[in-house]
Protein backbone atom coordinates (compact mmCIF):
# COMPACT_ATOMS: atom_id res chain seq x y z
CA UNK A 1 44.83 39.08 63.59
CA UNK A 2 47.00 38.14 60.61
CA UNK A 3 44.27 38.96 58.10
CA UNK A 4 43.76 42.45 59.53
CA UNK A 5 47.47 43.19 59.27
CA UNK A 6 47.52 41.94 55.68
CA UNK A 7 44.49 44.08 54.78
CA UNK A 8 46.08 47.13 56.42
CA UNK A 9 49.31 46.61 54.48
CA UNK A 10 47.39 46.17 51.23
CA UNK A 11 45.32 49.33 51.78
CA UNK A 12 48.45 51.32 52.65
CA UNK A 13 50.20 50.06 49.52
CA UNK A 14 47.22 50.98 47.33
CA UNK A 15 46.98 54.46 48.87
CA UNK A 16 50.68 55.07 48.24
CA UNK A 17 50.30 53.99 44.60
CA UNK A 18 47.26 56.25 44.18
CA UNK A 19 49.03 59.26 45.70
CA UNK A 20 52.09 58.68 43.52
CA UNK A 21 49.81 58.61 40.47
CA UNK A 22 48.16 61.86 41.55
CA UNK A 23 51.55 63.50 42.13
CA UNK A 24 52.48 62.59 38.55
CA UNK A 25 49.35 64.40 37.34
CA UNK A 26 50.22 67.66 39.14
CA UNK A 27 51.56 70.51 37.01
CA UNK A 28 54.93 70.68 38.76
CA UNK A 29 58.43 70.86 37.42
CA UNK A 30 60.45 67.67 37.44
CA UNK A 31 62.47 68.49 40.57
CA UNK A 32 59.41 69.32 42.71
CA UNK A 33 57.61 66.21 41.44
CA UNK A 34 60.59 64.04 42.36
CA UNK A 35 60.75 65.53 45.87
CA UNK A 36 57.02 64.94 46.35
CA UNK A 37 57.36 61.34 45.20
CA UNK A 38 60.23 60.71 47.62
CA UNK A 39 58.21 62.17 50.50
CA UNK A 40 55.21 59.98 49.64
CA UNK A 41 57.39 56.86 49.44
CA UNK A 42 59.04 57.61 52.80
CA UNK A 43 55.67 58.16 54.47
CA UNK A 44 54.41 54.91 52.92
CA UNK A 45 57.41 52.95 54.18
CA UNK A 46 57.00 54.36 57.69
CA UNK A 47 53.31 53.47 57.63
CA UNK A 48 54.07 49.91 56.49
CA UNK A 49 56.66 49.56 59.25
CA UNK A 50 54.02 50.58 61.79
CA UNK A 51 51.81 47.72 60.60
CA UNK A 52 54.70 45.33 61.04
CA UNK A 53 55.17 46.62 64.64
CA UNK A 54 58.66 47.97 64.05
CA UNK A 55 57.69 51.37 65.50
């Protein structure tokens, strides 16, 4: 049980890092890029909290 939670958290963390990298590569202006990064980080935090059974 503990190992599956740890693997889920690790995969979620890696996906968030990958999406943040891809957002950096998009041809957006700085303000839109910052908004996209904030949205990705918030979704990642919510996903991590689900793994920790907060929600």
